[in-house]
Amino acid sequence: FAQINERINDIMEETPGLSENVAR
């Protein structure tokens, strides 16, 4: 789950507006 969180967090930080768009 550390690997999962790291990958998800990296993408979230690099992609503005992603945090509120569930479809994206």
PDB file of all heavy atoms in Angstrom:
ATOM      1  N   PHE A   1       0.813  -1.217   0.000  1.00  0.00           N
ATOM      2  CA  PHE A   1       0.000   0.000   0.000  1.00  0.00           C
ATOM      3  C   PHE A   1       0.848   1.269   0.000  1.00  0.00           C
ATOM      4  O   PHE A   1       0.391   2.322  -0.449  1.00  0.00           O
ATOM      5  CB  PHE A   1      -0.998  -0.048   1.161  1.00  0.00           C
ATOM      6  CG  PHE A   1      -2.127  -1.011   0.893  1.00  0.00           C
ATOM      7  CD1 PHE A   1      -2.036  -2.334   1.294  1.00  0.00           C
ATOM      8  CD2 PHE A   1      -3.242  -0.604   0.183  1.00  0.00           C
ATOM      9  CE1 PHE A   1      -3.054  -3.238   1.007  1.00  0.00           C
ATOM     10  CE2 PHE A   1      -4.270  -1.493  -0.099  1.00  0.00           C
ATOM     11  CZ  PHE A   1      -4.174  -2.816   0.309  1.00  0.00           C
ATOM     12  N   ALA A   2       2.088   1.168   0.480  1.00  0.00           N
ATOM     13  CA  ALA A   2       2.994   2.310   0.343  1.00  0.00           C
ATOM     14  C   ALA A   2       3.303   2.558  -1.135  1.00  0.00           C
ATOM     15  O   ALA A   2       3.342   3.714  -1.593  1.00  0.00           O
ATOM     16  CB  ALA A   2       4.284   2.046   1.116  1.00  0.00           C
ATOM     17  N   GLN A   3       3.500   1.461  -1.894  1.00  0.00           N
ATOM     18  CA  GLN A   3       3.734   1.604  -3.336  1.00  0.00           C
ATOM     19  C   GLN A   3       2.513   2.198  -4.040  1.00  0.00           C
ATOM     20  O   GLN A   3       2.638   3.078  -4.900  1.00  0.00           O
ATOM     21  CB  GLN A   3       4.049   0.235  -3.952  1.00  0.00           C
ATOM     22  CG  GLN A   3       5.397  -0.350  -3.537  1.00  0.00           C
ATOM     23  CD  GLN A   3       5.666  -1.669  -4.249  1.00  0.00           C
ATOM     24  OE1 GLN A   3       5.643  -1.735  -5.478  1.00  0.00           O
ATOM     25  NE2 GLN A   3       5.919  -2.718  -3.483  1.00  0.00           N
ATOM     26  N   ILE A   4       1.331   1.729  -3.663  1.00  0.00           N
ATOM     27  CA  ILE A   4       0.090   2.252  -4.256  1.00  0.00           C
ATOM     28  C   ILE A   4      -0.052   3.747  -3.954  1.00  0.00           C
ATOM     29  O   ILE A   4      -0.306   4.562  -4.856  1.00  0.00           O
ATOM     30  CB  ILE A   4      -1.130   1.469  -3.722  1.00  0.00           C
ATOM     31  CG1 ILE A   4      -1.114   0.035  -4.263  1.00  0.00           C
ATOM     32  CG2 ILE A   4      -2.439   2.161  -4.095  1.00  0.00           C
ATOM     33  CD1 ILE A   4      -2.161  -0.871  -3.632  1.00  0.00           C
ATOM     34  N   ASN A   5       0.134   4.102  -2.686  1.00  0.00           N
ATOM     35  CA  ASN A   5      -0.015   5.505  -2.287  1.00  0.00           C
ATOM     36  C   ASN A   5       1.000   6.403  -2.978  1.00  0.00           C
ATOM     37  O   ASN A   5       0.681   7.520  -3.396  1.00  0.00           O
ATOM     38  CB  ASN A   5       0.123   5.640  -0.759  1.00  0.00           C
ATOM     39  CG  ASN A   5      -1.089   5.109  -0.020  1.00  0.00           C
ATOM     40  OD1 ASN A   5      -2.189   5.065  -0.573  1.00  0.00           O
ATOM     41  ND2 ASN A   5      -0.895   4.682   1.214  1.00  0.00           N
ATOM     42  N   GLU A   6       2.222   5.905  -3.093  1.00  0.00           N
ATOM     43  CA  GLU A   6       3.272   6.718  -3.719  1.00  0.00           C
ATOM     44  C   GLU A   6       2.933   7.011  -5.181  1.00  0.00           C
ATOM     45  O   GLU A   6       3.044   8.156  -5.631  1.00  0.00           O
ATOM     46  CB  GLU A   6       4.608   5.987  -3.609  1.00  0.00           C
ATOM     47  CG  GLU A   6       5.784   6.815  -4.144  1.00  0.00           C
ATOM     48  CD  GLU A   6       7.118   6.107  -3.965  1.00  0.00           C
ATOM     49  OE1 GLU A   6       7.147   4.982  -3.423  1.00  0.00           O
ATOM     50  OE2 GLU A   6       8.142   6.693  -4.377  1.00  0.00           O
ATOM     51  N   ARG A   7       2.482   5.982  -5.901  1.00  0.00           N
ATOM     52  CA  ARG A   7       2.136   6.186  -7.312  1.00  0.00           C
ATOM     53  C   ARG A   7       0.950   7.126  -7.467  1.00  0.00           C
ATOM     54  O   ARG A   7       0.947   8.028  -8.306  1.00  0.00           O
ATOM     55  CB  ARG A   7       1.825   4.838  -7.975  1.00  0.00           C
ATOM     56  CG  ARG A   7       3.067   4.021  -8.282  1.00  0.00           C
ATOM     57  CD  ARG A   7       2.776   2.935  -9.281  1.00  0.00           C
ATOM     58  NE  ARG A   7       2.344   3.461 -10.575  1.00  0.00           N
ATOM     59  CZ  ARG A   7       1.837   2.723 -11.557  1.00  0.00           C
ATOM     60  NH1 ARG A   7       1.666   1.429 -11.365  1.00  0.00           N
ATOM     61  NH2 ARG A   7       1.492   3.259 -12.689  1.00  0.00           N
ATOM     62  N   ILE A   8      -0.067   6.924  -6.649  1.00  0.00           N
ATOM     63  CA  ILE A   8      -1.259   7.774  -6.739  1.00  0.00           C
ATOM     64  C   ILE A   8      -0.927   9.216  -6.370  1.00  0.00           C
ATOM     65  O   ILE A   8      -1.318  10.168  -7.061  1.00  0.00           O
ATOM     66  CB  ILE A   8      -2.386   7.211  -5.839  1.00  0.00           C
ATOM     67  CG1 ILE A   8      -2.948   5.922  -6.456  1.00  0.00           C
ATOM     68  CG2 ILE A   8      -3.506   8.232  -5.646  1.00  0.00           C
ATOM     69  CD1 ILE A   8      -3.975   5.211  -5.596  1.00  0.00           C
ATOM     70  N   ASN A   9      -0.167   9.394  -5.292  1.00  0.00           N
ATOM     71  CA  ASN A   9       0.174  10.752  -4.842  1.00  0.00           C
ATOM     72  C   ASN A   9       1.035  11.491  -5.863  1.00  0.00           C
ATOM     73  O   ASN A   9       0.863  12.698  -6.089  1.00  0.00           O
ATOM     74  CB  ASN A   9       0.881  10.707  -3.489  1.00  0.00           C
ATOM     75  CG  ASN A   9      -0.064  10.327  -2.349  1.00  0.00           C
ATOM     76  OD1 ASN A   9      -1.271  10.536  -2.459  1.00  0.00           O
ATOM     77  ND2 ASN A   9       0.478   9.778  -1.284  1.00  0.00           N
ATOM     78  N   ASP A  10       1.967  10.766  -6.496  1.00  0.00           N
ATOM     79  CA  ASP A  10       2.819  11.393  -7.513  1.00  0.00           C
ATOM     80  C   ASP A  10       1.969  11.923  -8.670  1.00  0.00           C
ATOM     81  O   ASP A  10       2.175  13.056  -9.144  1.00  0.00           O
ATOM     82  CB  ASP A  10       3.857  10.397  -8.036  1.00  0.00           C
ATOM     83  CG  ASP A  10       4.971  10.137  -7.029  1.00  0.00           C
ATOM     84  OD1 ASP A  10       5.065  10.888  -6.052  1.00  0.00           O
ATOM     85  OD2 ASP A  10       5.732   9.159  -7.227  1.00  0.00           O
ATOM     86  N   ILE A  11       1.027  11.106  -9.130  1.00  0.00           N
ATOM     87  CA  ILE A  11       0.178  11.523 -10.250  1.00  0.00           C
ATOM     88  C   ILE A  11      -0.741  12.670  -9.831  1.00  0.00           C
ATOM     89  O   ILE A  11      -0.948  13.628 -10.597  1.00  0.00           O
ATOM     90  CB  ILE A  11      -0.639  10.326 -10.784  1.00  0.00           C
ATOM     91  CG1 ILE A  11       0.299   9.252 -11.337  1.00  0.00           C
ATOM     92  CG2 ILE A  11      -1.621  10.776 -11.868  1.00  0.00           C
ATOM     93  CD1 ILE A  11      -0.394   7.942 -11.687  1.00  0.00           C
ATOM     94  N   MET A  12      -1.281  12.601  -8.621  1.00  0.00           N
ATOM     95  CA  MET A  12      -2.174  13.668  -8.132  1.00  0.00           C
ATOM     96  C   MET A  12      -1.440  15.004  -8.061  1.00  0.00           C
ATOM     97  O   MET A  12      -1.983  16.055  -8.417  1.00  0.00           O
ATOM     98  CB  MET A  12      -2.719  13.306  -6.744  1.00  0.00           C
ATOM     99  CG  MET A  12      -3.641  12.097  -6.733  1.00  0.00           C
ATOM    100  SD  MET A  12      -5.336  12.439  -7.243  1.00  0.00           S
ATOM    101  CE  MET A  12      -6.043  12.984  -5.703  1.00  0.00           C
ATOM    102  N   GLU A  13      -0.178  14.976  -7.608  1.00  0.00           N
ATOM    103  CA  GLU A  13       0.606  16.211  -7.497  1.00  0.00           C
ATOM    104  C   GLU A  13       0.949  16.795  -8.859  1.00  0.00           C
ATOM    105  O   GLU A  13       1.031  18.015  -9.034  1.00  0.00           O
ATOM    106  CB  GLU A  13       1.887  15.933  -6.709  1.00  0.00           C
ATOM    107  CG  GLU A  13       1.653  15.705  -5.220  1.00  0.00           C
ATOM    108  CD  GLU A  13       2.923  15.310  -4.496  1.00  0.00           C
ATOM    109  OE1 GLU A  13       4.002  15.384  -5.127  1.00  0.00           O
ATOM    110  OE2 GLU A  13       2.842  14.913  -3.322  1.00  0.00           O
ATOM    111  N   GLU A  14       1.136  15.904  -9.842  1.00  0.00           N
ATOM    112  CA  GLU A  14       1.522  16.355 -11.178  1.00  0.00           C
ATOM    113  C   GLU A  14       0.327  16.789 -12.034  1.00  0.00           C
ATOM    114  O   GLU A  14       0.502  17.376 -13.100  1.00  0.00           O
ATOM    115  CB  GLU A  14       2.258  15.214 -11.912  1.00  0.00           C
ATOM    116  CG  GLU A  14       3.596  14.852 -11.282  1.00  0.00           C
ATOM    117  CD  GLU A  14       4.144  13.544 -11.843  1.00  0.00           C
ATOM    118  OE1 GLU A  14       3.485  12.980 -12.745  1.00  0.00           O
ATOM    119  OE2 GLU A  14       5.205  13.093 -11.372  1.00  0.00           O
ATOM    120  N   THR A  15      -0.907  16.505 -11.552  1.00  0.00           N
ATOM    121  CA  THR A  15      -2.098  16.751 -12.368  1.00  0.00           C
ATOM    122  C   THR A  15      -3.068  17.658 -11.628  1.00  0.00           C
ATOM    123  O   THR A  15      -3.891  17.177 -10.833  1.00  0.00           O
ATOM    124  CB  THR A  15      -2.794  15.417 -12.733  1.00  0.00           C
ATOM    125  OG1 THR A  15      -1.813  14.472 -13.165  1.00  0.00           O
ATOM    126  CG2 THR A  15      -3.839  15.625 -13.828  1.00  0.00           C
ATOM    127  N   PRO A  16      -2.995  18.961 -11.863  1.00  0.00           N
ATOM    128  CA  PRO A  16      -3.912  19.900 -11.190  1.00  0.00           C
ATOM    129  C   PRO A  16      -5.375  19.581 -11.522  1.00  0.00           C
ATOM    130  O   PRO A  16      -5.708  19.198 -12.638  1.00  0.00           O
ATOM    131  CB  PRO A  16      -3.512  21.264 -11.767  1.00  0.00           C
ATOM    132  CG  PRO A  16      -2.126  21.063 -12.297  1.00  0.00           C
ATOM    133  CD  PRO A  16      -2.056  19.641 -12.749  1.00  0.00           C
ATOM    134  N   GLY A  17      -6.231  19.707 -10.517  1.00  0.00           N
ATOM    135  CA  GLY A  17      -7.664  19.515 -10.730  1.00  0.00           C
ATOM    136  C   GLY A  17      -8.120  18.082 -10.674  1.00  0.00           C
ATOM    137  O   GLY A  17      -9.327  17.797 -10.753  1.00  0.00           O
ATOM    138  N   LEU A  18      -7.183  17.155 -10.513  1.00  0.00           N
ATOM    139  CA  LEU A  18      -7.548  15.739 -10.527  1.00  0.00           C
ATOM    140  C   LEU A  18      -8.252  15.319  -9.240  1.00  0.00           C
ATOM    141  O   LEU A  18      -9.079  14.404  -9.250  1.00  0.00           O
ATOM    142  CB  LEU A  18      -6.293  14.885 -10.739  1.00  0.00           C
ATOM    143  CG  LEU A  18      -6.477  13.390 -11.029  1.00  0.00           C
ATOM    144  CD1 LEU A  18      -7.339  13.180 -12.264  1.00  0.00           C
ATOM    145  CD2 LEU A  18      -5.122  12.707 -11.194  1.00  0.00           C
ATOM    146  N   SER A  19      -7.959  15.972  -8.142  1.00  0.00           N
ATOM    147  CA  SER A  19      -8.448  15.526  -6.834  1.00  0.00           C
ATOM    148  C   SER A  19      -9.966  15.558  -6.713  1.00  0.00           C
ATOM    149  O   SER A  19     -10.544  14.806  -5.941  1.00  0.00           O
ATOM    150  CB  SER A  19      -7.827  16.371  -5.711  1.00  0.00           C
ATOM    151  OG  SER A  19      -8.171  17.724  -5.879  1.00  0.00           O
ATOM    152  N   GLU A  20     -10.637  16.419  -7.471  1.00  0.00           N
ATOM    153  CA  GLU A  20     -12.097  16.524  -7.371  1.00  0.00           C
ATOM    154  C   GLU A  20     -12.823  15.896  -8.555  1.00  0.00           C
ATOM    155  O   GLU A  20     -14.057  15.921  -8.601  1.00  0.00           O
ATOM    156  CB  GLU A  20     -12.507  17.999  -7.226  1.00  0.00           C
ATOM    157  CG  GLU A  20     -12.003  18.668  -5.953  1.00  0.00           C
ATOM    158  CD  GLU A  20     -12.445  17.922  -4.694  1.00  0.00           C
ATOM    159  OE1 GLU A  20     -13.624  17.508  -4.641  1.00  0.00           O
ATOM    160  OE2 GLU A  20     -11.618  17.744  -3.782  1.00  0.00           O
ATOM    161  N   ASN A  21     -12.104  15.346  -9.497  1.00  0.00           N
ATOM    162  CA  ASN A  21     -12.727  14.781 -10.694  1.00  0.00           C
ATOM    163  C   ASN A  21     -12.586  13.258 -10.662  1.00  0.00           C
ATOM    164  O   ASN A  21     -11.567  12.695 -11.054  1.00  0.00           O
ATOM    165  CB  ASN A  21     -12.053  15.343 -11.951  1.00  0.00           C
ATOM    166  CG  ASN A  21     -12.805  14.991 -13.218  1.00  0.00           C
ATOM    167  OD1 ASN A  21     -13.384  13.919 -13.319  1.00  0.00           O
ATOM    168  ND2 ASN A  21     -12.776  15.908 -14.189  1.00  0.00           N
ATOM    169  N   VAL A  22     -13.635  12.596 -10.168  1.00  0.00           N
ATOM    170  CA  VAL A  22     -13.572  11.147  -9.957  1.00  0.00           C
ATOM    171  C   VAL A  22     -13.448  10.402 -11.282  1.00  0.00           C
ATOM    172  O   VAL A  22     -12.709   9.412 -11.380  1.00  0.00           O
ATOM    173  CB  VAL A  22     -14.800  10.662  -9.164  1.00  0.00           C
ATOM    174  CG1 VAL A  22     -14.795   9.138  -9.045  1.00  0.00           C
ATOM    175  CG2 VAL A  22     -14.828  11.301  -7.784  1.00  0.00           C
ATOM    176  N   ALA A  23     -14.132  10.861 -12.310  1.00  0.00           N
ATOM    177  CA  ALA A  23     -14.069  10.192 -13.614  1.00  0.00           C
ATOM    178  C   ALA A  23     -12.633  10.197 -14.151  1.00  0.00           C
ATOM    179  O   ALA A  23     -12.140   9.186 -14.654  1.00  0.00           O
ATOM    180  CB  ALA A  23     -15.013  10.865 -14.604  1.00  0.00           C
ATOM    181  N   ARG A  24     -11.941  11.342 -14.014  1.00  0.00           N
ATOM    182  CA  ARG A  24     -10.548  11.418 -14.452  1.00  0.00           C
ATOM    183  C   ARG A  24      -9.641  10.581 -13.558  1.00  0.00           C
ATOM    184  O   ARG A  24      -8.678   9.965 -14.024  1.00  0.00           O
ATOM    185  CB  ARG A  24     -10.071  12.882 -14.453  1.00  0.00           C
ATOM    186  CG  ARG A  24     -10.518  13.686 -15.679  1.00  0.00           C
ATOM    187  CD  ARG A  24      -9.821  15.029 -15.696  1.00  0.00           C
ATOM    188  NE  ARG A  24      -8.370  14.897 -15.831  1.00  0.00           N
ATOM    189  CZ  ARG A  24      -7.505  15.879 -15.570  1.00  0.00           C
ATOM    190  NH1 ARG A  24      -7.950  17.066 -15.138  1.00  0.00           N
ATOM    191  NH2 ARG A  24      -6.205  15.699 -15.736  1.00  0.00           N
TER     192      ARG A  24
END
